[in-house]
């Protein structure tokens, strides 16, 4: 939030070490949750409405954390992995009754969490060591008190001036997909290789980028049902991924600094930037890349 991360000129690592519990200073405190009996469709609609890629599942009375559902869980459910068995086996491929199952059937119950008294360095260690994008923060009774994300940590780390360039930390061995690839193949690739996003490339030209959140929103906006005749999930998962790619493409060049990349991600509300040189895709830089690189300086 504006001004939330403005801590003045104090040296960052010293500031981190001095204040136990400062994790709550950068965390989201008013966390929206759903109950375990909420339908999958209800959870997806809430995530789509609020622009979330993760949603904690908690007991309505005590706010005791029970699990979390993420956009990755949703694409797994829609055809990417083992959670697709709920659609394919239990409901014979019919997506409509499957989305009315309770969210507890696809949520991730075993979570990496931190106490609300933790340090920011604790969050950095989990994000970079376990590649966890969002960490629930719990009180002494296991109640949810906040959540801290890669983006929150990136914002604090980016307050340090970095001389490193995008080309120093970007990923260059990219898995990509084509505009005519079926959505079902994209969900399988994302789930199998644990990606949240795939560049969409036609020849040598970057057509766009598709994310797990884009696919989740396809379900949450109910556009998916406009394409259905029989209710069979294959009808929509066979559609080309080009139908989900937005016309707005935000990119960066390899000579920009890590601070430039962090500022652009924050301003545009994106979690990754394709890196373009001479009109060609040469890499991808993500929030995770920035947290890892900036924390090492």
Protein backbone atom coordinates (compact mmCIF):
# COMPACT_ATOMS: atom_id res chain seq x y z
CA UNK A 1 0.00 0.00 0.00
CA UNK A 2 1.22 3.56 -0.64
CA UNK A 3 3.73 4.60 1.99
CA UNK A 4 3.58 1.28 3.81
CA UNK A 5 7.17 0.36 3.01
CA UNK A 6 8.72 3.79 3.51
CA UNK A 7 11.03 3.15 6.45
CA UNK A 8 13.59 5.91 5.97
CA UNK A 9 17.33 5.61 5.36
CA UNK A 10 18.15 2.97 8.01
CA UNK A 11 20.35 0.14 6.69
CA UNK A 12 18.01 -2.69 5.78
CA UNK A 13 19.71 -5.77 7.23
CA UNK A 14 20.27 -4.01 10.54
CA UNK A 15 16.63 -3.00 10.64
CA UNK A 16 15.53 -6.59 9.97
CA UNK A 17 17.61 -8.01 12.79
CA UNK A 18 16.42 -5.51 15.38
CA UNK A 19 12.67 -5.93 15.21
CA UNK A 20 11.16 -9.30 15.95
CA UNK A 21 7.61 -9.36 14.63
CA UNK A 22 8.25 -6.74 11.98
CA UNK A 23 6.85 -9.19 9.44
CA UNK A 24 3.41 -7.80 10.34
CA UNK A 25 4.52 -4.34 9.19
CA UNK A 26 4.61 -5.50 5.57
CA UNK A 27 1.91 -8.20 5.71
CA UNK A 28 -1.72 -7.94 4.72
CA UNK A 29 -3.62 -8.05 8.02
CA UNK A 30 -7.23 -7.96 6.85
CA UNK A 31 -7.10 -11.31 5.09
CA UNK A 32 -10.18 -12.51 3.24
CA UNK A 33 -10.86 -16.18 3.85
CA UNK A 34 -13.45 -18.79 2.89
CA UNK A 35 -14.85 -21.64 4.94
CA UNK A 36 -14.04 -25.26 3.99
CA UNK A 37 -17.65 -25.78 2.89
CA UNK A 38 -17.49 -23.00 0.30
CA UNK A 39 -17.83 -24.42 -3.19
CA UNK A 40 -14.85 -24.49 -5.52
CA UNK A 41 -16.75 -22.11 -7.79
CA UNK A 42 -17.45 -19.78 -4.86
CA UNK A 43 -13.74 -19.67 -3.98
CA UNK A 44 -12.72 -19.08 -7.60
CA UNK A 45 -15.27 -16.27 -7.94
CA UNK A 46 -13.90 -14.62 -4.79
CA UNK A 47 -10.31 -14.90 -6.05
CA UNK A 48 -11.32 -13.51 -9.45
CA UNK A 49 -13.30 -10.64 -7.90
CA UNK A 50 -10.48 -9.64 -5.52
CA UNK A 51 -7.58 -10.30 -7.89
CA UNK A 52 -6.03 -12.93 -5.61
CA UNK A 53 -3.93 -15.89 -6.66
CA UNK A 54 -4.27 -17.52 -3.24
CA UNK A 55 -7.11 -17.72 -0.73
CA UNK A 56 -6.81 -19.07 2.83
CA UNK A 57 -9.42 -21.56 4.02
CA UNK A 58 -10.24 -21.05 7.68
CA UNK A 59 -12.76 -21.98 10.34
CA UNK A 60 -15.38 -19.17 10.27
CA UNK A 61 -15.56 -18.84 14.05
CA UNK A 62 -12.02 -19.20 15.33
CA UNK A 63 -10.23 -18.18 12.09
CA UNK A 64 -8.01 -21.21 12.62
CA UNK A 65 -6.20 -21.84 9.35
CA UNK A 66 -7.19 -25.12 7.68
CA UNK A 67 -5.56 -24.79 4.27
CA UNK A 68 -5.13 -22.59 1.25
CA UNK A 69 -6.36 -22.73 -2.33
CA UNK A 70 -4.23 -21.17 -5.06
CA UNK A 71 -4.53 -20.52 -8.76
CA UNK A 72 -2.17 -23.49 -9.21
CA UNK A 73 -4.66 -25.72 -7.38
CA UNK A 74 -7.38 -24.49 -9.73
CA UNK A 75 -5.49 -25.30 -12.92
CA UNK A 76 -4.56 -28.68 -11.42
CA UNK A 77 -8.30 -29.26 -10.85
CA UNK A 78 -9.23 -28.10 -14.37
CA UNK A 79 -6.98 -30.62 -16.07
CA UNK A 80 -3.41 -30.23 -14.98
CA UNK A 81 -2.87 -32.94 -12.40
CA UNK A 82 -4.17 -35.29 -9.74
CA UNK A 83 -6.96 -32.95 -8.59
CA UNK A 84 -8.51 -33.32 -12.03
CA UNK A 85 -9.67 -36.77 -10.87
CA UNK A 86 -12.49 -34.99 -9.07
CA UNK A 87 -13.80 -33.92 -12.49
CA UNK A 88 -12.73 -36.88 -14.60
CA UNK A 89 -13.49 -39.79 -12.26
CA UNK A 90 -16.12 -38.68 -9.75
CA UNK A 91 -18.16 -36.58 -12.18
CA UNK A 92 -17.35 -38.32 -15.46
CA UNK A 93 -15.72 -35.24 -16.97
CA UNK A 94 -18.67 -32.94 -16.21
CA UNK A 95 -17.26 -29.67 -14.90
CA UNK A 96 -20.54 -28.21 -13.67
CA UNK A 97 -21.18 -30.57 -10.71
CA UNK A 98 -17.44 -30.70 -9.98
CA UNK A 99 -17.17 -26.95 -9.33
CA UNK A 100 -19.95 -27.28 -6.78
CA UNK A 101 -17.85 -29.61 -4.62
CA UNK A 102 -16.47 -28.02 -1.45
CA UNK A 103 -13.15 -26.21 -1.68
CA UNK A 104 -11.70 -28.54 0.97
CA UNK A 105 -11.48 -31.23 -1.76
CA UNK A 106 -8.76 -29.35 -3.66
CA UNK A 107 -7.16 -27.05 -1.06
CA UNK A 108 -3.60 -27.59 0.12
CA UNK A 109 -3.92 -28.53 3.80
CA UNK A 110 -0.26 -28.83 4.82
CA UNK A 111 1.16 -25.33 4.71
CA UNK A 112 4.40 -23.56 5.45
CA UNK A 113 3.49 -20.85 7.95
CA UNK A 114 5.20 -18.35 10.22
CA UNK A 115 4.21 -16.94 13.60
CA UNK A 116 3.13 -13.32 13.53
CA UNK A 117 6.19 -12.62 15.72
CA UNK A 118 8.60 -13.62 12.94
CA UNK A 119 11.34 -11.62 11.28
CA UNK A 120 11.35 -10.56 7.63
CA UNK A 121 14.48 -12.68 7.21
CA UNK A 122 12.39 -15.74 8.14
CA UNK A 123 10.04 -15.00 5.26
CA UNK A 124 12.95 -14.49 2.85
CA UNK A 125 14.42 -17.87 3.82
CA UNK A 126 11.11 -19.64 3.17
CA UNK A 127 10.42 -17.85 -0.13
CA UNK A 128 13.89 -18.47 -1.54
CA UNK A 129 14.45 -21.89 0.04
CA UNK A 130 11.04 -23.50 -0.52
CA UNK A 131 9.81 -21.36 -3.43
CA UNK A 132 6.64 -20.47 -1.54
CA UNK A 133 4.88 -17.38 -2.92
CA UNK A 134 2.66 -16.59 0.06
CA UNK A 135 3.12 -17.35 3.75
CA UNK A 136 0.20 -17.29 6.23
CA UNK A 137 1.06 -15.68 9.58
CA UNK A 138 -0.48 -17.30 12.64
CA UNK A 139 -1.21 -16.22 16.18
CA UNK A 140 -0.56 -18.34 19.26
CA UNK A 141 -3.82 -20.27 18.87
CA UNK A 142 -3.27 -21.03 15.20
CA UNK A 143 -5.58 -18.23 14.10
CA UNK A 144 -4.80 -16.43 10.85
CA UNK A 145 -3.43 -12.94 11.53
CA UNK A 146 -1.98 -12.02 8.17
CA UNK A 147 -0.30 -13.16 5.01
CA UNK A 148 3.00 -12.05 3.49
CA UNK A 149 3.87 -12.58 -0.18
CA UNK A 150 6.83 -12.42 -2.52
CA UNK A 151 5.56 -9.04 -3.66
CA UNK A 152 5.55 -7.66 -0.10
CA UNK A 153 9.13 -8.79 0.50
CA UNK A 154 10.27 -7.66 -2.93
CA UNK A 155 8.97 -4.17 -2.19
CA UNK A 156 11.09 -3.88 0.94
CA UNK A 157 14.22 -5.35 -0.62
CA UNK A 158 13.88 -3.07 -3.65
CA UNK A 159 14.30 -0.05 -1.36
CA UNK A 160 18.01 -0.88 -1.51
CA UNK A 161 19.82 0.46 -4.55
CA UNK A 162 21.05 -2.38 -6.74
CA UNK A 163 23.61 -2.13 -9.54
CA UNK A 164 22.72 -5.55 -10.93
CA UNK A 165 20.93 -5.78 -14.25
CA UNK A 166 17.94 -7.82 -15.34
CA UNK A 167 20.21 -9.91 -17.57
CA UNK A 168 22.21 -10.96 -14.49
CA UNK A 169 19.33 -12.83 -12.85
CA UNK A 170 16.70 -13.55 -15.50
CA UNK A 171 15.84 -17.12 -16.51
CA UNK A 172 16.98 -17.91 -20.04
CA UNK A 173 16.06 -21.60 -20.36
CA UNK A 174 12.38 -21.00 -20.90
CA UNK A 175 9.54 -23.41 -21.47
CA UNK A 176 7.10 -21.74 -23.85
CA UNK A 177 3.84 -22.59 -25.53
CA UNK A 178 2.24 -21.69 -28.85
CA UNK A 179 -0.93 -19.61 -29.38
CA UNK A 180 -2.80 -22.65 -30.72
CA UNK A 181 -1.83 -24.98 -27.87
CA UNK A 182 -4.96 -26.32 -26.10
CA UNK A 183 -5.65 -24.87 -22.66
CA UNK A 184 -5.59 -28.43 -21.30
CA UNK A 185 -2.00 -28.93 -22.45
CA UNK A 186 -0.98 -25.62 -20.88
CA UNK A 187 -2.50 -26.60 -17.50
CA UNK A 188 -0.66 -29.93 -17.62
CA UNK A 189 2.65 -28.25 -18.46
CA UNK A 190 2.23 -25.71 -15.66
CA UNK A 191 1.30 -28.37 -13.11
CA UNK A 192 3.98 -30.86 -14.14
CA UNK A 193 6.81 -28.31 -14.16
CA UNK A 194 5.49 -26.15 -11.28
CA UNK A 195 5.20 -22.97 -13.36
CA UNK A 196 2.75 -20.15 -12.70
CA UNK A 197 3.14 -18.71 -16.19
CA UNK A 198 4.20 -19.59 -19.71
CA UNK A 199 5.30 -17.23 -22.49
CA UNK A 200 3.18 -17.71 -25.61
CA UNK A 201 5.48 -17.62 -28.63
CA UNK A 202 4.69 -17.76 -32.33
CA UNK A 203 7.88 -18.39 -34.29
CA UNK A 204 10.41 -16.00 -32.76
CA UNK A 205 7.75 -13.48 -31.77
CA UNK A 206 6.32 -13.15 -28.27
CA UNK A 207 2.55 -13.35 -28.64
CA UNK A 208 1.83 -12.86 -24.94
CA UNK A 209 2.09 -14.56 -21.58
CA UNK A 210 -0.48 -16.83 -19.95
CA UNK A 211 -0.60 -17.31 -16.18
CA UNK A 212 -2.35 -19.70 -13.83
CA UNK A 213 -4.40 -16.71 -12.73
CA UNK A 214 -5.57 -16.10 -16.32
CA UNK A 215 -6.84 -19.67 -16.52
CA UNK A 216 -8.46 -19.42 -13.09
CA UNK A 217 -10.21 -16.19 -14.11
CA UNK A 218 -11.52 -17.96 -17.20
CA UNK A 219 -13.45 -20.19 -14.80
CA UNK A 220 -14.21 -17.46 -12.24
CA UNK A 221 -15.70 -15.08 -14.81
CA UNK A 222 -17.95 -17.95 -15.99
CA UNK A 223 -16.82 -17.42 -19.58
CA UNK A 224 -15.89 -21.08 -19.52
CA UNK A 225 -19.58 -22.04 -19.41
CA UNK A 226 -20.39 -19.93 -22.47
CA UNK A 227 -18.30 -22.37 -24.50
CA UNK A 228 -20.00 -25.48 -23.17
CA UNK A 229 -22.72 -27.49 -24.89
CA UNK A 230 -22.65 -30.77 -22.99
CA UNK A 231 -20.86 -29.66 -19.81
CA UNK A 232 -17.86 -31.85 -20.63
CA UNK A 233 -14.63 -30.19 -19.48
CA UNK A 234 -12.94 -31.32 -22.72
CA UNK A 235 -14.99 -28.75 -24.63
CA UNK A 236 -13.22 -25.84 -22.98
CA UNK A 237 -9.82 -27.40 -22.32
CA UNK A 238 -9.44 -28.06 -26.06
CA UNK A 239 -9.73 -24.36 -26.88
CA UNK A 240 -6.49 -22.59 -27.95
CA UNK A 241 -4.67 -20.70 -25.23
CA UNK A 242 -4.71 -17.59 -27.43
CA UNK A 243 -8.29 -17.05 -26.18
CA UNK A 244 -6.90 -16.27 -22.70
CA UNK A 245 -3.99 -14.00 -23.65
CA UNK A 246 -4.68 -10.31 -23.10
CA UNK A 247 -3.67 -7.72 -25.69
CA UNK A 248 -1.55 -5.79 -23.17
CA UNK A 249 2.03 -7.03 -23.10
CA UNK A 250 4.38 -5.54 -20.48
CA UNK A 251 8.06 -6.25 -21.13
CA UNK A 252 11.49 -5.11 -20.01
CA UNK A 253 14.95 -4.96 -21.60
CA UNK A 254 18.01 -6.78 -20.21
CA UNK A 255 19.94 -3.59 -19.44
CA UNK A 256 17.45 -2.33 -16.85
CA UNK A 257 18.36 -2.59 -13.15
CA UNK A 258 16.65 -4.89 -10.67
CA UNK A 259 15.13 -1.78 -9.08
CA UNK A 260 13.60 -0.88 -12.44
CA UNK A 261 12.11 -4.37 -12.72
CA UNK A 262 10.72 -4.31 -9.19
CA UNK A 263 9.18 -0.88 -9.73
CA UNK A 264 7.59 -1.95 -13.02
CA UNK A 265 6.12 -5.11 -11.49
CA UNK A 266 4.71 -3.12 -8.61
CA UNK A 267 3.22 -0.39 -10.81
CA UNK A 268 1.71 -2.82 -13.33
CA UNK A 269 0.60 -5.41 -10.76
CA UNK A 270 2.35 -8.31 -12.51
CA UNK A 271 4.49 -11.10 -11.12
CA UNK A 272 6.88 -11.48 -14.06
CA UNK A 273 8.28 -9.59 -17.02
CA UNK A 274 9.35 -11.06 -20.36
CA UNK A 275 12.80 -9.76 -21.30
CA UNK A 276 12.99 -8.53 -24.89
CA UNK A 277 16.05 -7.68 -26.99
CA UNK A 278 15.85 -6.79 -30.69
CA UNK A 279 12.16 -7.74 -30.66
CA UNK A 280 13.00 -11.28 -29.48
CA UNK A 281 12.21 -13.02 -26.19
CA UNK A 282 15.51 -13.78 -24.45
CA UNK A 283 14.42 -14.37 -20.86
CA UNK A 284 11.93 -13.96 -18.04
CA UNK A 285 12.35 -12.26 -14.67
CA UNK A 286 9.94 -12.95 -11.81
CA UNK A 287 9.20 -11.67 -8.32
CA UNK A 288 10.95 -14.76 -6.98
CA UNK A 289 14.08 -13.94 -9.01
CA UNK A 290 14.11 -10.42 -7.55
CA UNK A 291 13.60 -11.55 -3.94
CA UNK A 292 16.40 -14.10 -4.27
CA UNK A 293 18.82 -11.74 -6.01
CA UNK A 294 18.18 -8.69 -3.83
CA UNK A 295 18.36 -10.70 -0.60
CA UNK A 296 21.84 -11.89 -1.58
CA UNK A 297 23.24 -8.37 -1.88
